[in-house]
PDB file of N, CA and C in Angstrom:
ATOM      1  N   MET A   1      32.707 -10.637   9.273  1.00  0.00           N
ATOM      2  CA  MET A   1      32.328 -10.648  10.562  1.00  0.00           C
ATOM      3  C   MET A   1      33.855 -10.939  11.108  1.00  0.00           C
ATOM      4  N   ALA A   2      34.123 -10.300  12.347  1.00  0.00           N
ATOM      5  CA  ALA A   2      35.244 -10.596  12.747  1.00  0.00           C
ATOM      6  C   ALA A   2      34.962 -11.078  13.979  1.00  0.00           C
ATOM      7  N   THR A   3      36.004 -11.858  14.756  1.00  0.00           N
ATOM      8  CA  THR A   3      35.866 -12.563  15.903  1.00  0.00           C
ATOM      9  C   THR A   3      36.737 -12.080  17.180  1.00  0.00           C
ATOM     10  N   THR A   4      36.055 -11.891  18.399  1.00  0.00           N
ATOM     11  CA  THR A   4      37.286 -11.922  19.392  1.00  0.00           C
ATOM     12  C   THR A   4      38.231 -12.654  19.407  1.00  0.00           C
ATOM     13  N   SER A   5      38.418 -13.972  18.984  1.00  0.00           N
ATOM     14  CA  SER A   5      39.341 -14.847  18.955  1.00  0.00           C
ATOM     15  C   SER A   5      40.663 -14.432  18.263  1.00  0.00           C
ATOM     16  N   THR A   6      41.660 -14.438  18.755  1.00  0.00           N
ATOM     17  CA  THR A   6      42.874 -14.285  17.634  1.00  0.00           C
ATOM     18  C   THR A   6      44.070 -15.307  17.743  1.00  0.00           C
ATOM     19  N   HIS A   7      43.279 -16.719  18.107  1.00  0.00           N
ATOM     20  CA  HIS A   7      43.900 -18.072  18.118  1.00  0.00           C
ATOM     21  C   HIS A   7      43.739 -18.976  16.755  1.00  0.00           C
ATOM     22  N   ARG A   8      43.689 -18.218  15.559  1.00  0.00           N
ATOM     23  CA  ARG A   8      43.106 -18.792  14.517  1.00  0.00           C
ATOM     24  C   ARG A   8      44.394 -19.123  13.393  1.00  0.00           C
ATOM     25  N   SER A   9      44.132 -20.350  12.426  1.00  0.00           N
ATOM     26  CA  SER A   9      45.286 -20.293  11.800  1.00  0.00           C
ATOM     27  C   SER A   9      44.900 -19.516  10.617  1.00  0.00           C
ATOM     28  N   VAL A  10      46.126 -18.709  10.373  1.00  0.00           N
ATOM     29  CA  VAL A  10      45.956 -17.900   8.677  1.00  0.00           C
ATOM     30  C   VAL A  10      45.520 -18.509   7.954  1.00  0.00           C
ATOM     31  N   SER A  11      46.261 -19.746   7.608  1.00  0.00           N
ATOM     32  CA  SER A  11      46.135 -20.539   6.285  1.00  0.00           C
ATOM     33  C   SER A  11      44.507 -20.923   6.114  1.00  0.00           C
ATOM     34  N   THR A  12      44.159 -21.697   7.163  1.00  0.00           N
ATOM     35  CA  THR A  12      42.775 -22.564   7.137  1.00  0.00           C
ATOM     36  C   THR A  12      41.648 -21.757   7.616  1.00  0.00           C
ATOM     37  N   GLY A  13      41.905 -20.801   8.646  1.00  0.00           N
ATOM     38  CA  GLY A  13      40.819 -20.118   9.480  1.00  0.00           C
ATOM     39  C   GLY A  13      40.195 -20.676  10.612  1.00  0.00           C
ATOM     40  N   TRP A  14      40.616 -22.432  10.559  1.00  0.00           N
ATOM     41  CA  TRP A  14      40.323 -23.269  11.750  1.00  0.00           C
ATOM     42  C   TRP A  14      41.149 -22.670  13.079  1.00  0.00           C
ATOM     43  N   PHE A  15      40.487 -22.750  14.137  1.00  0.00           N
ATOM     44  CA  PHE A  15      41.113 -22.413  15.409  1.00  0.00           C
ATOM     45  C   PHE A  15      40.897 -23.263  16.425  1.00  0.00           C
ATOM     46  N   THR A  16      41.496 -23.187  17.646  1.00  0.00           N
ATOM     47  CA  THR A  16      41.068 -24.088  18.809  1.00  0.00           C
ATOM     48  C   THR A  16      41.395 -23.331  19.842  1.00  0.00           C
ATOM     49  N   SER A  17      40.979 -23.597  20.855  1.00  0.00           N
ATOM     50  CA  SER A  17      40.911 -22.882  22.448  1.00  0.00           C
ATOM     51  C   SER A  17      42.663 -22.971  22.925  1.00  0.00           C
ATOM     52  N   THR A  18      42.749 -21.575  23.445  1.00  0.00           N
ATOM     53  CA  THR A  18      44.212 -21.494  23.850  1.00  0.00           C
ATOM     54  C   THR A  18      44.508 -22.557  25.105  1.00  0.00           C
ATOM     55  N   ARG A  19      43.441 -23.129  25.575  1.00  0.00           N
ATOM     56  CA  ARG A  19      43.818 -24.219  26.676  1.00  0.00           C
ATOM     57  C   ARG A  19      43.813 -25.679  26.014  1.00  0.00           C
ATOM     58  N   SER A  20      44.119 -25.692  24.798  1.00  0.00           N
ATOM     59  CA  SER A  20      44.232 -27.101  24.167  1.00  0.00           C
ATOM     60  C   SER A  20      45.388 -27.358  24.121  1.00  0.00           C
ATOM     61  N   ASN A  21      45.809 -28.740  23.830  1.00  0.00           N
ATOM     62  CA  ASN A  21      47.005 -29.356  23.751  1.00  0.00           C
ATOM     63  C   ASN A  21      47.810 -29.457  22.363  1.00  0.00           C
ATOM     64  N   ASN A  22      48.374 -27.995  22.226  1.00  0.00           N
ATOM     65  CA  ASN A  22      48.886 -27.926  20.774  1.00  0.00           C
ATOM     66  C   ASN A  22      48.281 -28.228  19.741  1.00  0.00           C
ATOM     67  N   GLY A  23      46.873 -28.109  19.596  1.00  0.00           N
ATOM     68  CA  GLY A  23      45.980 -28.671  18.308  1.00  0.00           C
ATOM     69  C   GLY A  23      46.080 -30.151  18.169  1.00  0.00           C
ATOM     70  N   ASN A  24      46.532 -30.885  18.729  1.00  0.00           N
ATOM     71  CA  ASN A  24      46.698 -32.330  18.830  1.00  0.00           C
ATOM     72  C   ASN A  24      44.900 -33.259  19.012  1.00  0.00           C
ATOM     73  N   GLN A  25      44.376 -32.735  19.901  1.00  0.00           N
ATOM     74  CA  GLN A  25      43.269 -33.265  20.150  1.00  0.00           C
ATOM     75  C   GLN A  25      42.524 -32.139  20.685  1.00  0.00           C
ATOM     76  N   CYS A  26      41.475 -31.789  19.586  1.00  0.00           N
ATOM     77  CA  CYS A  26      40.875 -30.234  19.957  1.00  0.00           C
ATOM     78  C   CYS A  26      39.255 -30.521  19.058  1.00  0.00           C
ATOM     79  N   VAL A  27      38.348 -29.664  19.631  1.00  0.00           N
ATOM     80  CA  VAL A  27      37.485 -28.986  19.091  1.00  0.00           C
ATOM     81  C   VAL A  27      37.963 -27.816  18.280  1.00  0.00           C
ATOM     82  N   GLU A  28      37.920 -27.933  17.173  1.00  0.00           N
ATOM     83  CA  GLU A  28      38.335 -26.710  16.020  1.00  0.00           C
ATOM     84  C   GLU A  28      36.996 -26.244  15.247  1.00  0.00           C
ATOM     85  N   VAL A  29      37.237 -24.874  15.431  1.00  0.00           N
ATOM     86  CA  VAL A  29      36.069 -24.329  15.053  1.00  0.00           C
ATOM     87  C   VAL A  29      36.365 -23.423  13.780  1.00  0.00           C
ATOM     88  N   ARG A  30      35.504 -22.819  12.976  1.00  0.00           N
ATOM     89  CA  ARG A  30      35.960 -21.951  11.635  1.00  0.00           C
ATOM     90  C   ARG A  30      34.843 -21.120  11.461  1.00  0.00           C
ATOM     91  N   PHE A  31      34.902 -19.930  11.396  1.00  0.00           N
ATOM     92  CA  PHE A  31      33.749 -18.747  10.977  1.00  0.00           C
ATOM     93  C   PHE A  31      33.865 -18.721   9.362  1.00  0.00           C
ATOM     94  N   ASP A  32      32.651 -18.702   8.830  1.00  0.00           N
ATOM     95  CA  ASP A  32      32.664 -18.843   7.521  1.00  0.00           C
ATOM     96  C   ASP A  32      31.618 -17.950   6.951  1.00  0.00           C
ATOM     97  N   GLY A  33      31.591 -16.639   6.815  1.00  0.00           N
ATOM     98  CA  GLY A  33      30.336 -16.017   6.579  1.00  0.00           C
ATOM     99  C   GLY A  33      29.552 -15.958   7.692  1.00  0.00           C
ATOM    100  N   THR A  34      28.016 -16.225   7.419  1.00  0.00           N
ATOM    101  CA  THR A  34      27.149 -16.292   8.568  1.00  0.00           C
ATOM    102  C   THR A  34      26.996 -17.732   8.832  1.00  0.00           C
ATOM    103  N   ALA A  35      28.132 -18.519   8.513  1.00  0.00           N
ATOM    104  CA  ALA A  35      27.651 -20.101   9.075  1.00  0.00           C
ATOM    105  C   ALA A  35      29.197 -20.154  10.005  1.00  0.00           C
ATOM    106  N   VAL A  36      29.124 -21.263  11.135  1.00  0.00           N
ATOM    107  CA  VAL A  36      30.089 -21.647  11.957  1.00  0.00           C
ATOM    108  C   VAL A  36      30.251 -23.024  11.632  1.00  0.00           C
ATOM    109  N   LEU A  37      31.768 -23.658  11.549  1.00  0.00           N
ATOM    110  CA  LEU A  37      31.999 -24.911  11.383  1.00  0.00           C
ATOM    111  C   LEU A  37      33.032 -25.523  12.217  1.00  0.00           C
ATOM    112  N   VAL A  38      32.469 -26.401  12.666  1.00  0.00           N
ATOM    113  CA  VAL A  38      33.102 -27.449  14.034  1.00  0.00           C
ATOM    114  C   VAL A  38      33.673 -28.696  13.480  1.00  0.00           C
ATOM    115  N   ARG A  39      34.828 -29.179  13.849  1.00  0.00           N
ATOM    116  CA  ARG A  39      35.407 -30.463  13.514  1.00  0.00           C
ATOM    117  C   ARG A  39      36.130 -31.150  14.508  1.00  0.00           C
ATOM    118  N   ASP A  40      36.734 -32.123  14.559  1.00  0.00           N
ATOM    119  CA  ASP A  40      37.417 -32.855  15.648  1.00  0.00           C
ATOM    120  C   ASP A  40      38.825 -33.045  14.932  1.00  0.00           C
ATOM    121  N   SER A  41      39.960 -32.704  15.816  1.00  0.00           N
ATOM    122  CA  SER A  41      41.549 -32.759  15.084  1.00  0.00           C
ATOM    123  C   SER A  41      41.569 -34.036  15.106  1.00  0.00           C
ATOM    124  N   LYS A  42      41.214 -34.880  16.186  1.00  0.00           N
ATOM    125  CA  LYS A  42      41.627 -36.352  15.888  1.00  0.00           C
ATOM    126  C   LYS A  42      41.473 -37.265  14.626  1.00  0.00           C
ATOM    127  N   TYR A  43      40.599 -36.580  13.820  1.00  0.00           N
ATOM    128  CA  TYR A  43      40.024 -37.347  12.423  1.00  0.00           C
ATOM    129  C   TYR A  43      41.386 -37.254  11.566  1.00  0.00           C
ATOM    130  N   ARG A  44      42.113 -36.414  11.658  1.00  0.00           N
ATOM    131  CA  ARG A  44      43.062 -36.216  10.666  1.00  0.00           C
ATOM    132  C   ARG A  44      44.267 -37.154  10.994  1.00  0.00           C
ATOM    133  N   ARG A  45      44.394 -37.213  12.336  1.00  0.00           N
ATOM    134  CA  ARG A  45      45.615 -38.173  12.557  1.00  0.00           C
ATOM    135  C   ARG A  45      45.723 -39.447  12.331  1.00  0.00           C
ATOM    136  N   ASP A  46      44.455 -39.972  12.028  1.00  0.00           N
ATOM    137  CA  ASP A  46      44.569 -41.337  11.408  1.00  0.00           C
ATOM    138  C   ASP A  46      44.437 -41.429   9.685  1.00  0.00           C
ATOM    139  N   PRO A  47      45.927 -41.748   9.449  1.00  0.00           N
ATOM    140  CA  PRO A  47      46.095 -41.695   7.968  1.00  0.00           C
ATOM    141  C   PRO A  47      44.927 -42.755   6.976  1.00  0.00           C
ATOM    142  N   ALA A  48      44.245 -43.453   7.582  1.00  0.00           N
ATOM    143  CA  ALA A  48      43.352 -44.172   7.291  1.00  0.00           C
ATOM    144  C   ALA A  48      41.872 -43.489   6.482  1.00  0.00           C
ATOM    145  N   ASN A  49      42.001 -42.432   7.397  1.00  0.00           N
ATOM    146  CA  ASN A  49      40.841 -41.273   6.949  1.00  0.00           C
ATOM    147  C   ASN A  49      41.136 -40.401   6.072  1.00  0.00           C
ATOM    148  N   ARG A  50      39.922 -40.422   5.288  1.00  0.00           N
ATOM    149  CA  ARG A  50      39.920 -39.382   4.052  1.00  0.00           C
ATOM    150  C   ARG A  50      39.304 -38.353   4.258  1.00  0.00           C
ATOM    151  N   PRO A  51      40.417 -37.291   3.987  1.00  0.00           N
ATOM    152  CA  PRO A  51      39.969 -35.631   4.397  1.00  0.00           C
ATOM    153  C   PRO A  51      38.725 -35.508   3.753  1.00  0.00           C
ATOM    154  N   ALA A  52      38.322 -35.881   2.529  1.00  0.00           N
ATOM    155  CA  ALA A  52      36.826 -35.669   1.723  1.00  0.00           C
ATOM    156  C   ALA A  52      35.792 -35.960   2.673  1.00  0.00           C
ATOM    157  N   ASP A  53      36.076 -36.973   3.438  1.00  0.00           N
ATOM    158  CA  ASP A  53      35.005 -37.880   4.572  1.00  0.00           C
ATOM    159  C   ASP A  53      34.922 -37.153   5.781  1.00  0.00           C
ATOM    160  N   GLU A  54      35.529 -35.976   6.033  1.00  0.00           N
ATOM    161  CA  GLU A  54      35.531 -35.815   7.455  1.00  0.00           C
ATOM    162  C   GLU A  54      34.357 -35.330   8.009  1.00  0.00           C
ATOM    163  N   PRO A  55      33.728 -35.752   9.098  1.00  0.00           N
ATOM    164  CA  PRO A  55      32.851 -34.839   9.825  1.00  0.00           C
ATOM    165  C   PRO A  55      32.845 -33.603   9.873  1.00  0.00           C
ATOM    166  N   VAL A  56      31.995 -32.836   9.604  1.00  0.00           N
ATOM    167  CA  VAL A  56      32.151 -31.293  10.118  1.00  0.00           C
ATOM    168  C   VAL A  56      30.630 -30.869  10.161  1.00  0.00           C
ATOM    169  N   ILE A  57      30.688 -30.412  11.473  1.00  0.00           N
ATOM    170  CA  ILE A  57      29.382 -29.653  11.734  1.00  0.00           C
ATOM    171  C   ILE A  57      29.117 -28.261  11.178  1.00  0.00           C
ATOM    172  N   THR A  58      27.969 -27.777  10.590  1.00  0.00           N
ATOM    173  CA  THR A  58      28.144 -26.700  10.092  1.00  0.00           C
ATOM    174  C   THR A  58      26.516 -26.123  10.888  1.00  0.00           C
ATOM    175  N   VAL A  59      26.575 -24.816  11.483  1.00  0.00           N
ATOM    176  CA  VAL A  59      25.612 -24.242  12.190  1.00  0.00           C
ATOM    177  C   VAL A  59      25.446 -22.626  11.608  1.00  0.00           C
ATOM    178  N   THR A  60      24.661 -21.926  11.769  1.00  0.00           N
ATOM    179  CA  THR A  60      24.199 -20.653  11.740  1.00  0.00           C
ATOM    180  C   THR A  60      25.136 -19.887  12.756  1.00  0.00           C
ATOM    181  N   ALA A  61      25.217 -18.768  12.494  1.00  0.00           N
ATOM    182  CA  ALA A  61      25.817 -17.757  13.628  1.00  0.00           C
ATOM    183  C   ALA A  61      24.769 -17.791  14.954  1.00  0.00           C
ATOM    184  N   LEU A  62      23.410 -17.597  14.756  1.00  0.00           N
ATOM    185  CA  LEU A  62      22.807 -17.457  15.825  1.00  0.00           C
ATOM    186  C   LEU A  62      22.591 -18.637  16.498  1.00  0.00           C
ATOM    187  N   ASP A  63      22.758 -19.780  15.911  1.00  0.00           N
ATOM    188  CA  ASP A  63      22.549 -21.013  16.608  1.00  0.00           C
ATOM    189  C   ASP A  63      23.998 -21.415  17.421  1.00  0.00           C
ATOM    190  N   TRP A  64      24.914 -20.975  16.829  1.00  0.00           N
ATOM    191  CA  TRP A  64      26.341 -20.871  17.675  1.00  0.00           C
ATOM    192  C   TRP A  64      25.976 -20.320  18.757  1.00  0.00           C
ATOM    193  N   THR A  65      25.643 -18.801  18.898  1.00  0.00           N
ATOM    194  CA  THR A  65      25.916 -17.843  19.803  1.00  0.00           C
ATOM    195  C   THR A  65      24.841 -18.267  20.810  1.00  0.00           C
ATOM    196  N   ALA A  66      23.553 -18.913  20.690  1.00  0.00           N
ATOM    197  CA  ALA A  66      22.997 -19.615  21.554  1.00  0.00           C
ATOM    198  C   ALA A  66      23.222 -20.919  22.243  1.00  0.00           C
ATOM    199  N   PHE A  67      24.097 -21.680  21.327  1.00  0.00           N
ATOM    200  CA  PHE A  67      24.830 -22.657  21.941  1.00  0.00           C
ATOM    201  C   PHE A  67      25.744 -22.369  22.980  1.00  0.00           C
ATOM    202  N   LEU A  68      26.553 -21.077  22.677  1.00  0.00           N
ATOM    203  CA  LEU A  68      27.555 -20.908  23.659  1.00  0.00           C
ATOM    204  C   LEU A  68      27.049 -20.603  24.981  1.00  0.00           C
ATOM    205  N   ASP A  69      25.900 -19.570  24.554  1.00  0.00           N
ATOM    206  CA  ASP A  69      25.036 -18.922  26.167  1.00  0.00           C
ATOM    207  C   ASP A  69      24.581 -20.010  26.742  1.00  0.00           C
ATOM    208  N   ALA A  70      24.023 -21.241  25.993  1.00  0.00           N
ATOM    209  CA  ALA A  70      23.516 -22.493  27.038  1.00  0.00           C
ATOM    210  C   ALA A  70      24.577 -22.716  27.701  1.00  0.00           C
ATOM    211  N   LEU A  71      26.199 -23.137  27.031  1.00  0.00           N
ATOM    212  CA  LEU A  71      27.043 -23.804  27.627  1.00  0.00           C
ATOM    213  C   LEU A  71      27.704 -22.796  28.705  1.00  0.00           C
ATOM    214  N   ARG A  72      27.933 -21.623  28.593  1.00  0.00           N
ATOM    215  CA  ARG A  72      28.413 -20.547  29.636  1.00  0.00           C
ATOM    216  C   ARG A  72      27.465 -20.375  30.848  1.00  0.00           C
ATOM    217  N   ALA A  73      26.259 -20.823  30.575  1.00  0.00           N
ATOM    218  CA  ALA A  73      25.078 -20.637  31.531  1.00  0.00           C
ATOM    219  C   ALA A  73      24.711 -21.745  32.567  1.00  0.00           C
ATOM    220  N   GLY A  74      25.506 -22.982  31.774  1.00  0.00           N
ATOM    221  CA  GLY A  74      25.409 -24.261  32.506  1.00  0.00           C
ATOM    222  C   GLY A  74      24.239 -25.008  32.106  1.00  0.00           C
ATOM    223  N   ARG A  75      22.997 -24.775  31.173  1.00  0.00           N
ATOM    224  CA  ARG A  75      22.290 -24.965  30.920  1.00  0.00           C
ATOM    225  C   ARG A  75      22.188 -26.191  29.827  1.00  0.00           C
ATOM    226  N   ARG A  76      21.398 -27.019  29.690  1.00  0.00           N
ATOM    227  CA  ARG A  76      21.512 -28.081  28.724  1.00  0.00           C
ATOM    228  C   ARG A  76      21.064 -27.333  27.468  1.00  0.00           C
ATOM    229  N   THR A  77      22.143 -27.755  26.412  1.00  0.00           N
ATOM    230  CA  THR A  77      21.762 -27.249  25.020  1.00  0.00           C
ATOM    231  C   THR A  77      20.608 -28.100  24.394  1.00  0.00           C
ATOM    232  N   GLU A  78      20.294 -27.133  23.691  1.00  0.00           N
ATOM    233  CA  GLU A  78      18.801 -27.721  22.820  1.00  0.00           C
ATOM    234  C   GLU A  78      19.036 -26.868  21.420  1.00  0.00           C
ATOM    235  N   GLY A  79      18.340 -27.119  20.706  1.00  0.00           N
ATOM    236  CA  GLY A  79      18.152 -26.730  19.295  1.00  0.00           C
ATOM    237  C   GLY A  79      18.857 -27.265  18.128  1.00  0.00           C
ATOM    238  N   SER A  80      19.524 -26.837  17.359  1.00  0.00           N
ATOM    239  CA  SER A  80      20.184 -27.343  16.271  1.00  0.00           C
ATOM    240  C   SER A  80      21.468 -28.082  16.806  1.00  0.00           C
ATOM    241  N   LEU A  81      21.937 -27.719  17.450  1.00  0.00           N
ATOM    242  CA  LEU A  81      23.486 -28.396  17.887  1.00  0.00           C
ATOM    243  C   LEU A  81      23.249 -28.359  19.282  1.00  0.00           C
ATOM    244  N   VAL A  82      23.638 -29.897  19.751  1.00  0.00           N
ATOM    245  CA  VAL A  82      23.251 -30.466  21.281  1.00  0.00           C
ATOM    246  C   VAL A  82      24.543 -31.263  21.667  1.00  0.00           C
ATOM    247  N   ALA A  83      25.009 -30.712  22.974  1.00  0.00           N
ATOM    248  CA  ALA A  83      26.140 -31.420  23.479  1.00  0.00           C
ATOM    249  C   ALA A  83      25.725 -32.296  24.560  1.00  0.00           C
ATOM    250  N   ASP A  84      26.101 -33.641  24.594  1.00  0.00           N
ATOM    251  CA  ASP A  84      25.711 -34.585  25.546  1.00  0.00           C
ATOM    252  C   ASP A  84      27.007 -35.221  26.414  1.00  0.00           C
ATOM    253  N   THR A  85      26.951 -34.919  27.560  1.00  0.00           N
ATOM    254  CA  THR A  85      28.239 -35.407  28.333  1.00  0.00           C
ATOM    255  C   THR A  85      27.669 -36.518  29.126  1.00  0.00           C
ATOM    256  N   ALA A  86      28.452 -38.158  28.970  1.00  0.00           N
ATOM    257  CA  ALA A  86      28.447 -39.194  29.038  1.00  0.00           C
ATOM    258  C   ALA A  86      28.734 -38.975  31.007  1.00  0.00           C
ATOM    259  N   ALA A  87      28.349 -40.075  31.309  1.00  0.00           N
ATOM    260  CA  ALA A  87      28.863 -40.849  32.780  1.00  0.00           C
ATOM    261  C   ALA A  87      30.544 -40.905  32.594  1.00  0.00           C
ATOM    262  N   ASP A  88      31.302 -40.909  31.577  1.00  0.00           N
ATOM    263  CA  ASP A  88      32.645 -41.366  31.413  1.00  0.00           C
ATOM    264  C   ASP A  88      33.361 -39.963  31.519  1.00  0.00           C
ATOM    265  N   GLY A  89      32.561 -38.773  30.720  1.00  0.00           N
ATOM    266  CA  GLY A  89      33.060 -37.586  30.820  1.00  0.00           C
ATOM    267  C   GLY A  89      33.300 -36.997  29.010  1.00  0.00           C
ATOM    268  N   HIS A  90      33.324 -38.019  28.365  1.00  0.00           N
ATOM    269  CA  HIS A  90      33.122 -37.903  26.939  1.00  0.00           C
ATOM    270  C   HIS A  90      31.879 -37.142  26.415  1.00  0.00           C
ATOM    271  N   THR A  91      32.096 -36.117  25.382  1.00  0.00           N
ATOM    272  CA  THR A  91      31.002 -35.202  25.319  1.00  0.00           C
ATOM    273  C   THR A  91      30.715 -35.535  23.724  1.00  0.00           C
ATOM    274  N   THR A  92      29.713 -35.699  23.282  1.00  0.00           N
ATOM    275  CA  THR A  92      28.949 -35.966  21.966  1.00  0.00           C
ATOM    276  C   THR A  92      28.469 -34.558  21.582  1.00  0.00           C
ATOM    277  N   LEU A  93      28.905 -34.213  20.245  1.00  0.00           N
ATOM    278  CA  LEU A  93      28.190 -32.852  19.754  1.00  0.00           C
ATOM    279  C   LEU A  93      27.817 -33.358  18.444  1.00  0.00           C
ATOM    280  N   ARG A  94      25.956 -33.113  18.567  1.00  0.00           N
ATOM    281  CA  ARG A  94      25.427 -33.402  17.374  1.00  0.00           C
ATOM    282  C   ARG A  94      24.856 -32.506  16.781  1.00  0.00           C
ATOM    283  N   HIS A  95      24.443 -32.402  15.251  1.00  0.00           N
ATOM    284  CA  HIS A  95      23.993 -31.600  14.629  1.00  0.00           C
ATOM    285  C   HIS A  95      23.086 -32.387  13.366  1.00  0.00           C
ATOM    286  N   GLY A  96      21.884 -32.622  13.369  1.00  0.00           N
ATOM    287  CA  GLY A  96      21.367 -33.658  12.596  1.00  0.00           C
ATOM    288  C   GLY A  96      21.721 -34.962  12.348  1.00  0.00           C
ATOM    289  N   ASP A  97      22.437 -35.287  11.661  1.00  0.00           N
ATOM    290  CA  ASP A  97      22.891 -36.916  11.319  1.00  0.00           C
ATOM    291  C   ASP A  97      24.321 -36.748  11.696  1.00  0.00           C
ATOM    292  N   THR A  98      25.224 -35.478  11.922  1.00  0.00           N
ATOM    293  CA  THR A  98      26.577 -35.408  11.945  1.00  0.00           C
ATOM    294  C   THR A  98      26.789 -35.687  13.519  1.00  0.00           C
ATOM    295  N   VAL A  99      27.839 -36.473  13.949  1.00  0.00           N
ATOM    296  CA  VAL A  99      28.154 -36.556  15.403  1.00  0.00           C
ATOM    297  C   VAL A  99      29.779 -36.673  15.555  1.00  0.00           C
ATOM    298  N   LEU A 100      30.025 -35.816  16.564  1.00  0.00           N
ATOM    299  CA  LEU A 100      31.480 -35.592  16.807  1.00  0.00           C
ATOM    300  C   LEU A 100      31.738 -35.937  18.463  1.00  0.00           C
ATOM    301  N   THR A 101      32.732 -36.680  18.630  1.00  0.00           N
ATOM    302  CA  THR A 101      32.736 -37.251  20.177  1.00  0.00           C
ATOM    303  C   THR A 101      34.095 -36.713  20.203  1.00  0.00           C
ATOM    304  N   TYR A 102      34.146 -36.054  21.769  1.00  0.00           N
ATOM    305  CA  TYR A 102      35.319 -35.710  22.241  1.00  0.00           C
ATOM    306  C   TYR A 102      35.719 -35.934  23.410  1.00  0.00           C
ATOM    307  N   THR A 103      37.072 -36.147  24.028  1.00  0.00           N
ATOM    308  CA  THR A 103      37.228 -36.570  25.214  1.00  0.00           C
ATOM    309  C   THR A 103      36.850 -35.651  26.519  1.00  0.00           C
ATOM    310  N   PRO A 104      37.175 -35.978  27.606  1.00  0.00           N
ATOM    311  CA  PRO A 104      36.911 -35.080  28.454  1.00  0.00           C
ATOM    312  C   PRO A 104      38.141 -33.848  28.596  1.00  0.00           C
ATOM    313  N   ALA A 105      39.192 -34.261  28.280  1.00  0.00           N
ATOM    314  CA  ALA A 105      40.135 -33.024  28.403  1.00  0.00           C
ATOM    315  C   ALA A 105      40.169 -31.987  27.139  1.00  0.00           C
ATOM    316  N   GLU A 106      39.799 -32.456  26.070  1.00  0.00           N
ATOM    317  CA  GLU A 106      39.322 -31.754  24.941  1.00  0.00           C
ATOM    318  C   GLU A 106      38.224 -30.981  25.039  1.00  0.00           C
ATOM    319  N   TRP A 107      37.049 -31.501  25.673  1.00  0.00           N
ATOM    320  CA  TRP A 107      35.876 -30.702  25.692  1.00  0.00           C
ATOM    321  C   TRP A 107      36.057 -29.670  27.019  1.00  0.00           C
ATOM    322  N   ASP A 108      37.089 -30.114  27.962  1.00  0.00           N
ATOM    323  CA  ASP A 108      37.290 -29.038  28.979  1.00  0.00           C
ATOM    324  C   ASP A 108      37.900 -27.969  28.414  1.00  0.00           C
ATOM    325  N   ALA A 109      39.042 -28.204  27.756  1.00  0.00           N
ATOM    326  CA  ALA A 109      39.813 -27.028  27.053  1.00  0.00           C
ATOM    327  C   ALA A 109      38.625 -26.080  26.036  1.00  0.00           C
ATOM    328  N   PHE A 110      37.919 -26.826  25.493  1.00  0.00           N
ATOM    329  CA  PHE A 110      36.837 -26.022  24.640  1.00  0.00           C
ATOM    330  C   PHE A 110      36.002 -25.239  25.558  1.00  0.00           C
ATOM    331  N   LEU A 111      35.354 -25.731  26.659  1.00  0.00           N
ATOM    332  CA  LEU A 111      34.762 -24.722  27.632  1.00  0.00           C
ATOM    333  C   LEU A 111      35.275 -23.522  28.228  1.00  0.00           C
ATOM    334  N   LEU A 112      36.362 -23.973  28.546  1.00  0.00           N
ATOM    335  CA  LEU A 112      37.378 -22.989  29.040  1.00  0.00           C
ATOM    336  C   LEU A 112      37.438 -22.014  28.245  1.00  0.00           C
ATOM    337  N   GLY A 113      37.818 -22.452  26.843  1.00  0.00           N
ATOM    338  CA  GLY A 113      37.996 -21.359  25.785  1.00  0.00           C
ATOM    339  C   GLY A 113      36.553 -20.645  25.718  1.00  0.00           C
ATOM    340  N   ALA A 114      35.569 -21.298  25.750  1.00  0.00           N
ATOM    341  CA  ALA A 114      34.064 -20.766  25.465  1.00  0.00           C
ATOM    342  C   ALA A 114      33.727 -19.769  26.459  1.00  0.00           C
ATOM    343  N   HIS A 115      34.039 -19.975  27.747  1.00  0.00           N
ATOM    344  CA  HIS A 115      33.995 -18.978  28.994  1.00  0.00           C
ATOM    345  C   HIS A 115      34.693 -17.821  29.007  1.00  0.00           C
ATOM    346  N   ASP A 116      36.130 -17.943  28.169  1.00  0.00           N
ATOM    347  CA  ASP A 116      36.969 -16.804  27.918  1.00  0.00           C
ATOM    348  C   ASP A 116      36.447 -16.000  27.120  1.00  0.00           C
ATOM    349  N   GLY A 117      35.680 -16.464  26.016  1.00  0.00           N
ATOM    350  CA  GLY A 117      34.935 -15.827  24.866  1.00  0.00           C
ATOM    351  C   GLY A 117      35.930 -16.061  23.580  1.00  0.00           C
ATOM    352  N   GLU A 118      36.558 -17.167  23.408  1.00  0.00           N
ATOM    353  CA  GLU A 118      37.391 -17.193  22.199  1.00  0.00           C
ATOM    354  C   GLU A 118      36.606 -17.959  21.130  1.00  0.00           C
ATOM    355  N   PHE A 119      35.599 -18.142  21.231  1.00  0.00           N
ATOM    356  CA  PHE A 119      34.782 -18.680  20.059  1.00  0.00           C
ATOM    357  C   PHE A 119      33.346 -17.782  19.830  1.00  0.00           C
ATOM    358  N   ASP A 120      33.537 -16.584  20.467  1.00  0.00           N
ATOM    359  CA  ASP A 120      32.390 -15.333  20.100  1.00  0.00           C
ATOM    360  C   ASP A 120      32.628 -15.115  18.797  1.00  0.00           C
ATOM    361  N   ARG A 121      31.390 -14.729  18.297  1.00  0.00           N
ATOM    362  CA  ARG A 121      31.544 -13.959  16.973  1.00  0.00           C
ATOM    363  C   ARG A 121      31.045 -12.432  17.192  1.00  0.00           C
ATOM    364  N   VAL A 122      31.528 -11.642  16.814  1.00  0.00           N
ATOM    365  CA  VAL A 122      31.192 -10.141  17.168  1.00  0.00           C
ATOM    366  C   VAL A 122      30.673  -9.363  15.838  1.00  0.00           C
ATOM    367  N   ALA A 123      29.912  -8.741  15.780  1.00  0.00           N
ATOM    368  CA  ALA A 123      29.879  -7.979  14.374  1.00  0.00           C
ATOM    369  C   ALA A 123      31.172  -6.931  14.393  1.00  0.00           C
ATOM    370  N   SER A 124      31.502  -7.060  12.769  1.00  0.00           N
ATOM    371  CA  SER A 124      32.633  -6.050  12.624  1.00  0.00           C
ATOM    372  C   SER A 124      32.055  -4.833  12.524  1.00  0.00           C
ATOM    373  N   THR A 125      32.636  -3.745  12.559  1.00  0.00           N
ATOM    374  CA  THR A 125      32.285  -2.129  12.442  1.00  0.00           C
ATOM    375  C   THR A 125      32.569  -1.764  11.233  1.00  0.00           C
ATOM    376  N   VAL A 126      33.485  -2.515  10.517  1.00  0.00           N
ATOM    377  CA  VAL A 126      33.844  -1.641   9.148  1.00  0.00           C
ATOM    378  C   VAL A 126      32.816  -2.086   8.086  1.00  0.00           C
TER     379      VAL A 126
END
């Protein structure tokens, strides 16, 4: 499957919104077949964190599309992937027992990219 986004790392497949701060503090996304993976770039900045233990959310492409549709429509996200924004602006992204927390700036950059279609998956015509 192809995507409309061209802002992805050639070596890893992970990419961020073009509105992000040079990839240092970002919502990172990777498409892998019929799955969509999400992680937090802050995790790898702490040398005490083990890469093998990095929390990564994995959802189906269908769940991802429903999630993006809800965000763009300004609706509360429901289903397998839920985003909750606290009064202080921090957003918690939750799937099952996996939780990622983003700063207001990180989440705003992701939302702007989502509204621009940077995280959409489109069917390949090949």
